[in-house]
Amino acid sequence: MPRIEPLTPPYPAPIDQALRRWMPPDVPHEPLMLFRVLHRNPELASRMFALGSGLLGHGLLPAADREIVIARATARAGCGYEWGVHAATLGRQAGLTPERLQATTDTDTTADASWPPHHAALLNAVDELHDTSHLSQPAWDALRAHYDDARLLEFLVLAGWYRTISYLANGLLLEEETWGTPFPTR
């Protein structure tokens, strides 16, 4: 059971409107548990929506690159909730196979030579940021070989944002969504 109970229908009109904005049209399930908990504080939820939706809907990184960063950041933080939501939806929409998504949870992606160089650079950079909160010059140079300044800035914000989302979901003890992809256990 989550530490803060998610809102349940019927929602007050302003909350219902906000939750509809957060979810794609015609989704066959309730709004995400995370969204329903966040709307216990509508002002905070509104501020978070701006950055989250901007990264997902208006970013410069290709969708597959974005989802690899999200999957790795959430996997490294042990956030099965958010990893499973993205693996079941946006990761697949971005063209990532179930096997590739599962590989983002492997502890040593550097041993997997099947990652294209730009994806390997993203995975390595997420790992460094997770482990040290810094990025070494070799990791930066590997990213720089594939991304311009605008995309590098977006990468850093994206990795940090999903670390924050992982802290939130883990701190709230959110259970994985029933329709989400189960987080692999090792």
N, C-alpha and C. Protein backbone atom coordinates (compact mmCIF):
# COMPACT_ATOMS: atom_id res chain seq x y z
N MET A 1 0.85 -1.18 0.00
CA MET A 1 0.00 0.00 0.00
C MET A 1 0.89 1.24 0.00
N PRO A 2 0.59 2.20 -0.88
CA PRO A 2 1.39 3.43 -0.92
C PRO A 2 1.30 4.21 0.38
N ARG A 3 2.33 4.96 0.66
CA ARG A 3 2.35 5.77 1.88
C ARG A 3 1.35 6.91 1.85
N ILE A 4 1.01 7.39 0.66
CA ILE A 4 -0.04 8.39 0.49
C ILE A 4 -1.05 7.78 -0.48
N GLU A 5 -2.28 7.71 -0.04
CA GLU A 5 -3.33 7.06 -0.83
C GLU A 5 -3.62 7.85 -2.12
N PRO A 6 -3.65 7.17 -3.26
CA PRO A 6 -4.01 7.86 -4.51
C PRO A 6 -5.47 8.30 -4.48
N LEU A 7 -5.76 9.38 -5.15
CA LEU A 7 -7.15 9.80 -5.30
C LEU A 7 -7.91 8.72 -6.07
N THR A 8 -9.19 8.60 -5.78
CA THR A 8 -10.04 7.66 -6.50
C THR A 8 -11.23 8.40 -7.07
N PRO A 9 -11.81 7.89 -8.17
CA PRO A 9 -12.98 8.55 -8.74
C PRO A 9 -14.17 8.47 -7.79
N PRO A 10 -15.08 9.37 -7.90
CA PRO A 10 -15.11 10.50 -8.81
C PRO A 10 -14.19 11.62 -8.33
N TYR A 11 -13.47 12.21 -9.26
CA TYR A 11 -12.54 13.28 -8.95
C TYR A 11 -13.26 14.62 -9.00
N PRO A 12 -12.86 15.58 -8.18
CA PRO A 12 -13.39 16.94 -8.35
C PRO A 12 -13.07 17.42 -9.77
N ALA A 13 -13.91 18.25 -10.33
CA ALA A 13 -13.78 18.67 -11.73
C ALA A 13 -12.38 19.17 -12.09
N PRO A 14 -11.75 20.05 -11.29
CA PRO A 14 -10.42 20.52 -11.69
C PRO A 14 -9.37 19.39 -11.69
N ILE A 15 -9.49 18.46 -10.75
CA ILE A 15 -8.55 17.33 -10.69
C ILE A 15 -8.80 16.40 -11.87
N ASP A 16 -10.07 16.15 -12.18
CA ASP A 16 -10.41 15.30 -13.32
C ASP A 16 -9.84 15.89 -14.61
N GLN A 17 -9.98 17.19 -14.77
CA GLN A 17 -9.44 17.87 -15.96
C GLN A 17 -7.91 17.73 -16.01
N ALA A 18 -7.27 17.94 -14.88
CA ALA A 18 -5.80 17.85 -14.84
C ALA A 18 -5.35 16.42 -15.14
N LEU A 19 -5.99 15.44 -14.55
CA LEU A 19 -5.59 14.04 -14.80
C LEU A 19 -5.79 13.66 -16.26
N ARG A 20 -6.84 14.16 -16.88
CA ARG A 20 -7.06 13.89 -18.31
C ARG A 20 -5.92 14.48 -19.16
N ARG A 21 -5.41 15.64 -18.76
CA ARG A 21 -4.28 16.25 -19.47
C ARG A 21 -3.04 15.39 -19.36
N TRP A 22 -2.88 14.70 -18.23
CA TRP A 22 -1.67 13.93 -17.97
C TRP A 22 -1.67 12.60 -18.71
N MET A 23 -2.84 12.13 -19.13
CA MET A 23 -2.93 10.82 -19.76
C MET A 23 -3.25 10.96 -21.24
N PRO A 24 -2.71 10.04 -22.07
CA PRO A 24 -3.08 10.07 -23.49
C PRO A 24 -4.59 9.79 -23.63
N PRO A 25 -5.19 10.27 -24.72
CA PRO A 25 -6.62 10.02 -24.91
C PRO A 25 -6.89 8.52 -25.11
N ASP A 26 -8.04 8.09 -24.69
CA ASP A 26 -8.52 6.72 -24.91
C ASP A 26 -7.67 5.65 -24.25
N VAL A 27 -7.02 5.97 -23.15
CA VAL A 27 -6.26 4.97 -22.40
C VAL A 27 -7.27 4.09 -21.66
N PRO A 28 -7.09 2.77 -21.70
CA PRO A 28 -8.10 1.89 -21.12
C PRO A 28 -7.97 1.67 -19.60
N HIS A 29 -7.20 2.47 -18.92
CA HIS A 29 -7.04 2.30 -17.49
C HIS A 29 -7.08 3.65 -16.78
N GLU A 30 -7.19 3.58 -15.47
CA GLU A 30 -7.20 4.79 -14.65
C GLU A 30 -5.91 5.58 -14.85
N PRO A 31 -5.92 6.87 -14.54
CA PRO A 31 -4.66 7.61 -14.55
C PRO A 31 -3.64 6.92 -13.64
N LEU A 32 -2.37 7.10 -13.97
CA LEU A 32 -1.31 6.46 -13.19
C LEU A 32 -1.46 6.75 -11.70
N MET A 33 -1.11 5.76 -10.92
CA MET A 33 -1.15 5.92 -9.47
C MET A 33 -0.29 7.11 -9.04
N LEU A 34 0.87 7.25 -9.66
CA LEU A 34 1.75 8.38 -9.33
C LEU A 34 1.03 9.71 -9.54
N PHE A 35 0.33 9.85 -10.65
CA PHE A 35 -0.39 11.09 -10.93
C PHE A 35 -1.50 11.31 -9.90
N ARG A 36 -2.20 10.24 -9.52
CA ARG A 36 -3.30 10.37 -8.57
C ARG A 36 -2.80 10.71 -7.17
N VAL A 37 -1.59 10.26 -6.84
CA VAL A 37 -1.00 10.66 -5.55
C VAL A 37 -0.53 12.11 -5.63
N LEU A 38 0.14 12.47 -6.71
CA LEU A 38 0.63 13.85 -6.85
C LEU A 38 -0.51 14.87 -6.75
N HIS A 39 -1.69 14.49 -7.21
CA HIS A 39 -2.80 15.44 -7.18
C HIS A 39 -3.41 15.60 -5.78
N ARG A 40 -2.79 15.00 -4.78
CA ARG A 40 -3.09 15.36 -3.40
C ARG A 40 -2.54 16.77 -3.13
N ASN A 41 -1.60 17.19 -3.99
CA ASN A 41 -1.03 18.54 -3.94
C ASN A 41 -1.12 19.09 -5.37
N PRO A 42 -2.27 19.59 -5.79
CA PRO A 42 -2.46 20.00 -7.18
C PRO A 42 -1.47 21.05 -7.67
N GLU A 43 -1.07 21.96 -6.80
CA GLU A 43 -0.11 22.99 -7.23
C GLU A 43 1.24 22.37 -7.57
N LEU A 44 1.73 21.48 -6.74
CA LEU A 44 2.98 20.78 -7.02
C LEU A 44 2.84 19.94 -8.29
N ALA A 45 1.73 19.23 -8.42
CA ALA A 45 1.50 18.41 -9.62
C ALA A 45 1.54 19.27 -10.88
N SER A 46 0.94 20.43 -10.81
CA SER A 46 0.92 21.33 -11.96
C SER A 46 2.33 21.76 -12.36
N ARG A 47 3.15 22.08 -11.37
CA ARG A 47 4.53 22.49 -11.67
C ARG A 47 5.33 21.33 -12.24
N MET A 48 5.10 20.13 -11.74
CA MET A 48 5.83 18.96 -12.23
C MET A 48 5.39 18.60 -13.65
N PHE A 49 4.12 18.82 -13.96
CA PHE A 49 3.59 18.49 -15.28
C PHE A 49 4.34 19.23 -16.38
N ALA A 50 4.65 20.49 -16.14
CA ALA A 50 5.31 21.30 -17.17
C ALA A 50 6.63 20.67 -17.61
N LEU A 51 7.47 20.29 -16.67
CA LEU A 51 8.75 19.70 -17.04
C LEU A 51 8.58 18.28 -17.59
N GLY A 52 7.79 17.47 -16.91
CA GLY A 52 7.62 16.09 -17.35
C GLY A 52 7.04 15.99 -18.75
N SER A 53 5.99 16.72 -19.03
CA SER A 53 5.38 16.65 -20.35
C SER A 53 6.29 17.28 -21.40
N GLY A 54 7.03 18.30 -21.01
CA GLY A 54 7.97 18.90 -21.96
C GLY A 54 9.06 17.94 -22.37
N LEU A 55 9.59 17.17 -21.43
CA LEU A 55 10.62 16.19 -21.75
C LEU A 55 10.08 15.07 -22.63
N LEU A 56 8.86 14.65 -22.37
CA LEU A 56 8.30 13.53 -23.12
C LEU A 56 7.74 13.95 -24.48
N GLY A 57 7.13 15.09 -24.54
CA GLY A 57 6.43 15.47 -25.77
C GLY A 57 7.13 16.47 -26.64
N HIS A 58 8.14 17.13 -26.12
CA HIS A 58 8.74 18.23 -26.90
C HIS A 58 10.26 18.19 -26.86
N GLY A 59 10.83 17.06 -26.51
CA GLY A 59 12.27 16.96 -26.39
C GLY A 59 12.95 16.84 -27.74
N LEU A 60 14.24 17.06 -27.73
CA LEU A 60 15.06 16.97 -28.93
C LEU A 60 15.70 15.60 -29.11
N LEU A 61 15.85 14.86 -28.04
CA LEU A 61 16.43 13.52 -28.17
C LEU A 61 15.46 12.61 -28.92
N PRO A 62 15.97 11.74 -29.77
CA PRO A 62 15.08 10.76 -30.41
C PRO A 62 14.37 9.94 -29.34
N ALA A 63 13.16 9.50 -29.64
CA ALA A 63 12.33 8.79 -28.66
C ALA A 63 13.05 7.57 -28.08
N ALA A 64 13.71 6.78 -28.91
CA ALA A 64 14.41 5.59 -28.40
C ALA A 64 15.52 6.00 -27.44
N ASP A 65 16.26 7.04 -27.75
CA ASP A 65 17.33 7.51 -26.87
C ASP A 65 16.75 7.98 -25.54
N ARG A 66 15.67 8.75 -25.61
CA ARG A 66 15.00 9.24 -24.40
C ARG A 66 14.56 8.07 -23.53
N GLU A 67 13.96 7.06 -24.13
CA GLU A 67 13.45 5.93 -23.35
C GLU A 67 14.57 5.06 -22.80
N ILE A 68 15.69 4.99 -23.48
CA ILE A 68 16.85 4.27 -22.93
C ILE A 68 17.36 4.98 -21.69
N VAL A 69 17.44 6.30 -21.74
CA VAL A 69 17.88 7.08 -20.57
C VAL A 69 16.89 6.87 -19.42
N ILE A 70 15.60 6.95 -19.69
CA ILE A 70 14.59 6.79 -18.64
C ILE A 70 14.66 5.38 -18.06
N ALA A 71 14.74 4.38 -18.93
CA ALA A 71 14.79 3.00 -18.44
C ALA A 71 16.02 2.76 -17.58
N ARG A 72 17.16 3.27 -18.02
CA ARG A 72 18.39 3.04 -17.25
C ARG A 72 18.37 3.81 -15.93
N ALA A 73 17.93 5.06 -15.97
CA ALA A 73 17.89 5.86 -14.73
C ALA A 73 16.94 5.23 -13.71
N THR A 74 15.78 4.79 -14.15
CA THR A 74 14.83 4.20 -13.22
C THR A 74 15.28 2.81 -12.77
N ALA A 75 15.90 2.06 -13.66
CA ALA A 75 16.42 0.74 -13.27
C ALA A 75 17.53 0.88 -12.25
N ARG A 76 18.45 1.80 -12.48
CA ARG A 76 19.56 1.98 -11.53
C ARG A 76 19.05 2.44 -10.16
N ALA A 77 17.95 3.17 -10.15
CA ALA A 77 17.37 3.61 -8.88
C ALA A 77 16.46 2.54 -8.27
N GLY A 78 16.34 1.40 -8.95
CA GLY A 78 15.50 0.32 -8.44
C GLY A 78 14.03 0.67 -8.43
N CYS A 79 13.60 1.49 -9.38
CA CYS A 79 12.22 1.95 -9.43
C CYS A 79 11.42 1.12 -10.44
N GLY A 80 10.97 -0.04 -9.98
CA GLY A 80 10.18 -0.91 -10.83
C GLY A 80 8.89 -0.26 -11.30
N TYR A 81 8.34 0.63 -10.48
CA TYR A 81 7.09 1.30 -10.86
C TYR A 81 7.27 2.08 -12.17
N GLU A 82 8.20 3.02 -12.18
CA GLU A 82 8.35 3.90 -13.36
C GLU A 82 8.97 3.14 -14.52
N TRP A 83 9.93 2.25 -14.24
CA TRP A 83 10.52 1.44 -15.31
C TRP A 83 9.41 0.65 -16.02
N GLY A 84 8.50 0.04 -15.25
CA GLY A 84 7.45 -0.79 -15.83
C GLY A 84 6.44 0.00 -16.64
N VAL A 85 6.12 1.22 -16.20
CA VAL A 85 5.20 2.07 -16.95
C VAL A 85 5.80 2.41 -18.32
N HIS A 86 7.06 2.82 -18.32
CA HIS A 86 7.69 3.19 -19.59
C HIS A 86 7.96 1.97 -20.46
N ALA A 87 8.36 0.86 -19.87
CA ALA A 87 8.62 -0.34 -20.66
C ALA A 87 7.35 -0.83 -21.35
N ALA A 88 6.21 -0.68 -20.69
CA ALA A 88 4.94 -1.16 -21.26
C ALA A 88 4.38 -0.21 -22.31
N THR A 89 4.78 1.06 -22.28
CA THR A 89 4.14 2.04 -23.16
C THR A 89 5.14 2.76 -24.05
N LEU A 90 5.74 3.80 -23.53
CA LEU A 90 6.58 4.68 -24.34
C LEU A 90 7.84 4.01 -24.87
N GLY A 91 8.42 3.09 -24.10
CA GLY A 91 9.59 2.37 -24.58
C GLY A 91 9.28 1.55 -25.81
N ARG A 92 8.17 0.85 -25.77
CA ARG A 92 7.76 0.04 -26.93
C ARG A 92 7.37 0.93 -28.10
N GLN A 93 6.65 2.03 -27.81
CA GLN A 93 6.28 2.96 -28.88
C GLN A 93 7.51 3.54 -29.55
N ALA A 94 8.61 3.65 -28.81
CA ALA A 94 9.86 4.20 -29.36
C ALA A 94 10.64 3.14 -30.14
N GLY A 95 10.11 1.93 -30.20
CA GLY A 95 10.76 0.88 -30.98
C GLY A 95 11.70 -0.02 -30.22
N LEU A 96 11.73 0.10 -28.89
CA LEU A 96 12.59 -0.76 -28.10
C LEU A 96 11.91 -2.10 -27.87
N THR A 97 12.62 -3.17 -28.11
CA THR A 97 12.07 -4.51 -27.91
C THR A 97 12.02 -4.84 -26.42
N PRO A 98 11.21 -5.82 -26.03
CA PRO A 98 11.22 -6.24 -24.62
C PRO A 98 12.62 -6.67 -24.16
N GLU A 99 13.37 -7.32 -25.04
CA GLU A 99 14.73 -7.75 -24.68
C GLU A 99 15.65 -6.55 -24.45
N ARG A 100 15.54 -5.56 -25.30
CA ARG A 100 16.38 -4.37 -25.17
C ARG A 100 16.00 -3.61 -23.90
N LEU A 101 14.71 -3.50 -23.62
CA LEU A 101 14.27 -2.84 -22.39
C LEU A 101 14.78 -3.60 -21.17
N GLN A 102 14.68 -4.90 -21.20
CA GLN A 102 15.17 -5.68 -20.06
C GLN A 102 16.67 -5.49 -19.90
N ALA A 103 17.39 -5.34 -21.01
CA ALA A 103 18.84 -5.16 -20.93
C ALA A 103 19.22 -3.86 -20.21
N THR A 104 18.30 -2.90 -20.15
CA THR A 104 18.61 -1.66 -19.42
C THR A 104 18.70 -1.91 -17.92
N THR A 105 18.22 -3.06 -17.46
CA THR A 105 18.29 -3.38 -16.04
C THR A 105 19.54 -4.20 -15.70
N ASP A 106 20.29 -4.61 -16.72
CA ASP A 106 21.52 -5.38 -16.46
C ASP A 106 22.52 -4.51 -15.73
N THR A 107 23.24 -5.10 -14.80
CA THR A 107 24.18 -4.32 -14.00
C THR A 107 25.39 -3.86 -14.79
N ASP A 108 25.75 -4.56 -15.84
CA ASP A 108 26.93 -4.17 -16.63
C ASP A 108 26.59 -4.14 -18.11
N THR A 109 26.06 -2.99 -18.55
CA THR A 109 25.72 -2.86 -19.97
C THR A 109 26.96 -2.69 -20.83
N THR A 110 28.09 -2.35 -20.23
CA THR A 110 29.30 -2.18 -21.03
C THR A 110 29.79 -3.51 -21.60
N ALA A 111 29.39 -4.63 -20.99
CA ALA A 111 29.79 -5.94 -21.49
C ALA A 111 28.96 -6.34 -22.71
N ASP A 112 27.86 -5.64 -22.97
CA ASP A 112 26.98 -5.96 -24.09
C ASP A 112 27.37 -5.11 -25.29
N ALA A 113 28.10 -5.71 -26.20
CA ALA A 113 28.60 -4.98 -27.38
C ALA A 113 27.52 -4.75 -28.42
N SER A 114 26.31 -5.25 -28.18
CA SER A 114 25.25 -5.08 -29.19
C SER A 114 24.61 -3.70 -29.16
N TRP A 115 24.90 -2.90 -28.12
CA TRP A 115 24.35 -1.55 -28.08
C TRP A 115 25.07 -0.69 -29.12
N PRO A 116 24.35 0.07 -29.93
CA PRO A 116 25.02 1.02 -30.83
C PRO A 116 25.83 2.02 -30.00
N PRO A 117 26.88 2.59 -30.56
CA PRO A 117 27.75 3.49 -29.78
C PRO A 117 27.01 4.63 -29.08
N HIS A 118 26.03 5.25 -29.73
CA HIS A 118 25.34 6.36 -29.07
C HIS A 118 24.49 5.88 -27.89
N HIS A 119 23.92 4.69 -27.98
CA HIS A 119 23.16 4.15 -26.85
C HIS A 119 24.09 3.71 -25.73
N ALA A 120 25.22 3.11 -26.09
CA ALA A 120 26.20 2.73 -25.07
C ALA A 120 26.70 3.97 -24.32
N ALA A 121 26.90 5.06 -25.04
CA ALA A 121 27.34 6.31 -24.39
C ALA A 121 26.28 6.81 -23.41
N LEU A 122 25.01 6.74 -23.79
CA LEU A 122 23.93 7.16 -22.89
C LEU A 122 23.89 6.29 -21.64
N LEU A 123 23.96 4.98 -21.82
CA LEU A 123 23.91 4.05 -20.69
C LEU A 123 25.07 4.30 -19.73
N ASN A 124 26.27 4.44 -20.28
CA ASN A 124 27.44 4.69 -19.46
C ASN A 124 27.31 6.00 -18.70
N ALA A 125 26.82 7.03 -19.38
CA ALA A 125 26.68 8.34 -18.73
C ALA A 125 25.64 8.29 -17.61
N VAL A 126 24.52 7.60 -17.82
CA VAL A 126 23.52 7.46 -16.76
C VAL A 126 24.15 6.74 -15.57
N ASP A 127 24.91 5.69 -15.85
CA ASP A 127 25.56 4.95 -14.76
C ASP A 127 26.51 5.85 -13.96
N GLU A 128 27.33 6.62 -14.66
CA GLU A 128 28.25 7.52 -13.96
C GLU A 128 27.52 8.54 -13.12
N LEU A 129 26.49 9.13 -13.70
CA LEU A 129 25.72 10.12 -12.94
C LEU A 129 25.07 9.48 -11.73
N HIS A 130 24.54 8.28 -11.89
CA HIS A 130 23.90 7.59 -10.77
C HIS A 130 24.92 7.30 -9.67
N ASP A 131 26.09 6.81 -10.07
CA ASP A 131 27.09 6.37 -9.09
C ASP A 131 27.84 7.52 -8.43
N THR A 132 28.06 8.62 -9.18
CA THR A 132 28.96 9.66 -8.67
C THR A 132 28.38 11.07 -8.68
N SER A 133 27.25 11.26 -9.34
CA SER A 133 26.69 12.60 -9.55
C SER A 133 27.62 13.50 -10.35
N HIS A 134 28.55 12.89 -11.07
CA HIS A 134 29.47 13.59 -11.96
C HIS A 134 29.56 12.84 -13.27
N LEU A 135 30.12 13.51 -14.26
CA LEU A 135 30.33 12.89 -15.56
C LEU A 135 31.79 13.07 -15.93
N SER A 136 32.49 11.97 -16.13
CA SER A 136 33.91 12.03 -16.47
C SER A 136 34.09 12.61 -17.87
N GLN A 137 35.30 13.07 -18.15
CA GLN A 137 35.57 13.60 -19.48
C GLN A 137 35.40 12.54 -20.56
N PRO A 138 35.85 11.29 -20.36
CA PRO A 138 35.60 10.27 -21.39
C PRO A 138 34.10 10.02 -21.64
N ALA A 139 33.30 10.04 -20.58
CA ALA A 139 31.85 9.85 -20.76
C ALA A 139 31.25 11.03 -21.52
N TRP A 140 31.69 12.24 -21.17
CA TRP A 140 31.21 13.44 -21.87
C TRP A 140 31.62 13.40 -23.34
N ASP A 141 32.86 13.03 -23.59
CA ASP A 141 33.34 12.97 -24.97
C ASP A 141 32.57 11.94 -25.79
N ALA A 142 32.23 10.81 -25.16
CA ALA A 142 31.45 9.78 -25.87
C ALA A 142 30.07 10.32 -26.24
N LEU A 143 29.45 11.08 -25.34
CA LEU A 143 28.16 11.69 -25.65
C LEU A 143 28.32 12.77 -26.73
N ARG A 144 29.35 13.59 -26.58
CA ARG A 144 29.60 14.71 -27.50
C ARG A 144 29.77 14.22 -28.94
N ALA A 145 30.25 12.99 -29.11
CA ALA A 145 30.43 12.44 -30.46
C ALA A 145 29.10 12.24 -31.17
N HIS A 146 27.99 12.23 -30.42
CA HIS A 146 26.69 11.93 -31.01
C HIS A 146 25.64 13.01 -30.82
N TYR A 147 25.87 13.94 -29.88
CA TYR A 147 24.82 14.89 -29.53
C TYR A 147 25.36 16.32 -29.47
N ASP A 148 24.51 17.26 -29.88
CA ASP A 148 24.88 18.67 -29.81
C ASP A 148 24.58 19.21 -28.40
N ASP A 149 24.91 20.49 -28.19
CA ASP A 149 24.75 21.10 -26.87
C ASP A 149 23.31 20.99 -26.35
N ALA A 150 22.34 21.29 -27.20
CA ALA A 150 20.94 21.27 -26.77
C ALA A 150 20.54 19.87 -26.30
N ARG A 151 20.95 18.86 -27.02
CA ARG A 151 20.60 17.48 -26.65
C ARG A 151 21.38 17.03 -25.41
N LEU A 152 22.60 17.49 -25.25
CA LEU A 152 23.37 17.16 -24.04
C LEU A 152 22.72 17.75 -22.80
N LEU A 153 22.26 18.99 -22.90
CA LEU A 153 21.55 19.60 -21.78
C LEU A 153 20.27 18.82 -21.47
N GLU A 154 19.55 18.46 -22.52
CA GLU A 154 18.32 17.70 -22.32
C GLU A 154 18.62 16.35 -21.66
N PHE A 155 19.68 15.68 -22.10
CA PHE A 155 20.06 14.41 -21.50
C PHE A 155 20.26 14.56 -19.99
N LEU A 156 21.02 15.58 -19.59
CA LEU A 156 21.30 15.77 -18.16
C LEU A 156 20.02 16.03 -17.36
N VAL A 157 19.13 16.86 -17.90
CA VAL A 157 17.87 17.13 -17.21
C VAL A 157 17.00 15.87 -17.16
N LEU A 158 16.95 15.14 -18.27
CA LEU A 158 16.14 13.92 -18.34
C LEU A 158 16.61 12.88 -17.33
N ALA A 159 17.91 12.64 -17.28
CA ALA A 159 18.43 11.65 -16.32
C ALA A 159 18.14 12.09 -14.89
N GLY A 160 18.32 13.36 -14.59
CA GLY A 160 18.04 13.86 -13.25
C GLY A 160 16.56 13.84 -12.91
N TRP A 161 15.73 14.17 -13.89
CA TRP A 161 14.29 14.17 -13.66
C TRP A 161 13.81 12.76 -13.31
N TYR A 162 14.28 11.76 -14.03
CA TYR A 162 13.80 10.41 -13.75
C TYR A 162 14.45 9.81 -12.51
N ARG A 163 15.56 10.35 -12.08
CA ARG A 163 16.06 9.98 -10.75
C ARG A 163 15.12 10.56 -9.70
N THR A 164 14.68 11.79 -9.90
CA THR A 164 13.72 12.42 -9.00
C THR A 164 12.41 11.64 -8.97
N ILE A 165 11.90 11.29 -10.14
CA ILE A 165 10.66 10.52 -10.21
C ILE A 165 10.83 9.18 -9.50
N SER A 166 12.00 8.56 -9.64
CA SER A 166 12.28 7.29 -8.96
C SER A 166 12.27 7.48 -7.45
N TYR A 167 12.88 8.56 -6.97
CA TYR A 167 12.85 8.84 -5.53
C TYR A 167 11.40 8.98 -5.06
N LEU A 168 10.61 9.68 -5.83
CA LEU A 168 9.22 9.92 -5.47
C LEU A 168 8.45 8.59 -5.40
N ALA A 169 8.52 7.80 -6.47
CA ALA A 169 7.78 6.54 -6.51
C ALA A 169 8.27 5.56 -5.45
N ASN A 170 9.59 5.47 -5.29
CA ASN A 170 10.14 4.57 -4.27
C ASN A 170 9.81 5.04 -2.86
N GLY A 171 9.92 6.34 -2.63
CA GLY A 171 9.62 6.89 -1.31
C GLY A 171 8.16 6.72 -0.93
N LEU A 172 7.29 6.75 -1.92
CA LEU A 172 5.85 6.56 -1.68
C LEU A 172 5.47 5.08 -1.58
N LEU A 173 6.41 4.19 -1.91
CA LEU A 173 6.16 2.75 -1.95
C LEU A 173 5.06 2.40 -2.96
N LEU A 174 5.11 3.06 -4.13
CA LEU A 174 4.10 2.77 -5.15
C LEU A 174 4.30 1.36 -5.69
N GLU A 175 3.22 0.62 -5.75
CA GLU A 175 3.26 -0.71 -6.34
C GLU A 175 3.20 -0.57 -7.85
N GLU A 176 3.80 -1.51 -8.55
CA GLU A 176 3.79 -1.47 -10.01
C GLU A 176 2.35 -1.47 -10.52
N GLU A 177 2.12 -0.72 -11.59
CA GLU A 177 0.80 -0.71 -12.22
C GLU A 177 0.50 -2.12 -12.73
N THR A 178 -0.74 -2.57 -12.61
CA THR A 178 -1.08 -3.94 -13.00
C THR A 178 -0.83 -4.21 -14.48
N TRP A 179 -0.91 -3.20 -15.30
CA TRP A 179 -0.71 -3.35 -16.74
C TRP A 179 0.74 -3.07 -17.15
N GLY A 180 1.55 -2.61 -16.21
CA GLY A 180 2.95 -2.30 -16.52
C GLY A 180 3.77 -3.57 -16.74
N THR A 181 4.93 -3.38 -17.32
CA THR A 181 5.86 -4.50 -17.49
C THR A 181 6.52 -4.78 -16.15
N PRO A 182 6.48 -6.03 -15.68
CA PRO A 182 7.11 -6.35 -14.40
C PRO A 182 8.62 -6.07 -14.44
N PHE A 183 9.11 -5.48 -13.39
CA PHE A 183 10.54 -5.19 -13.28
C PHE A 183 11.29 -6.51 -13.10
N PRO A 184 12.31 -6.76 -13.93
CA PRO A 184 13.04 -8.03 -13.82
C PRO A 184 13.73 -8.17 -12.46
N THR A 185 13.68 -9.35 -11.93
CA THR A 185 14.39 -9.63 -10.69
C THR A 185 15.64 -10.42 -11.03
N ARG A 186 16.70 -10.11 -10.35
CA ARG A 186 17.98 -10.78 -10.63
C ARG A 186 18.43 -11.51 -9.40
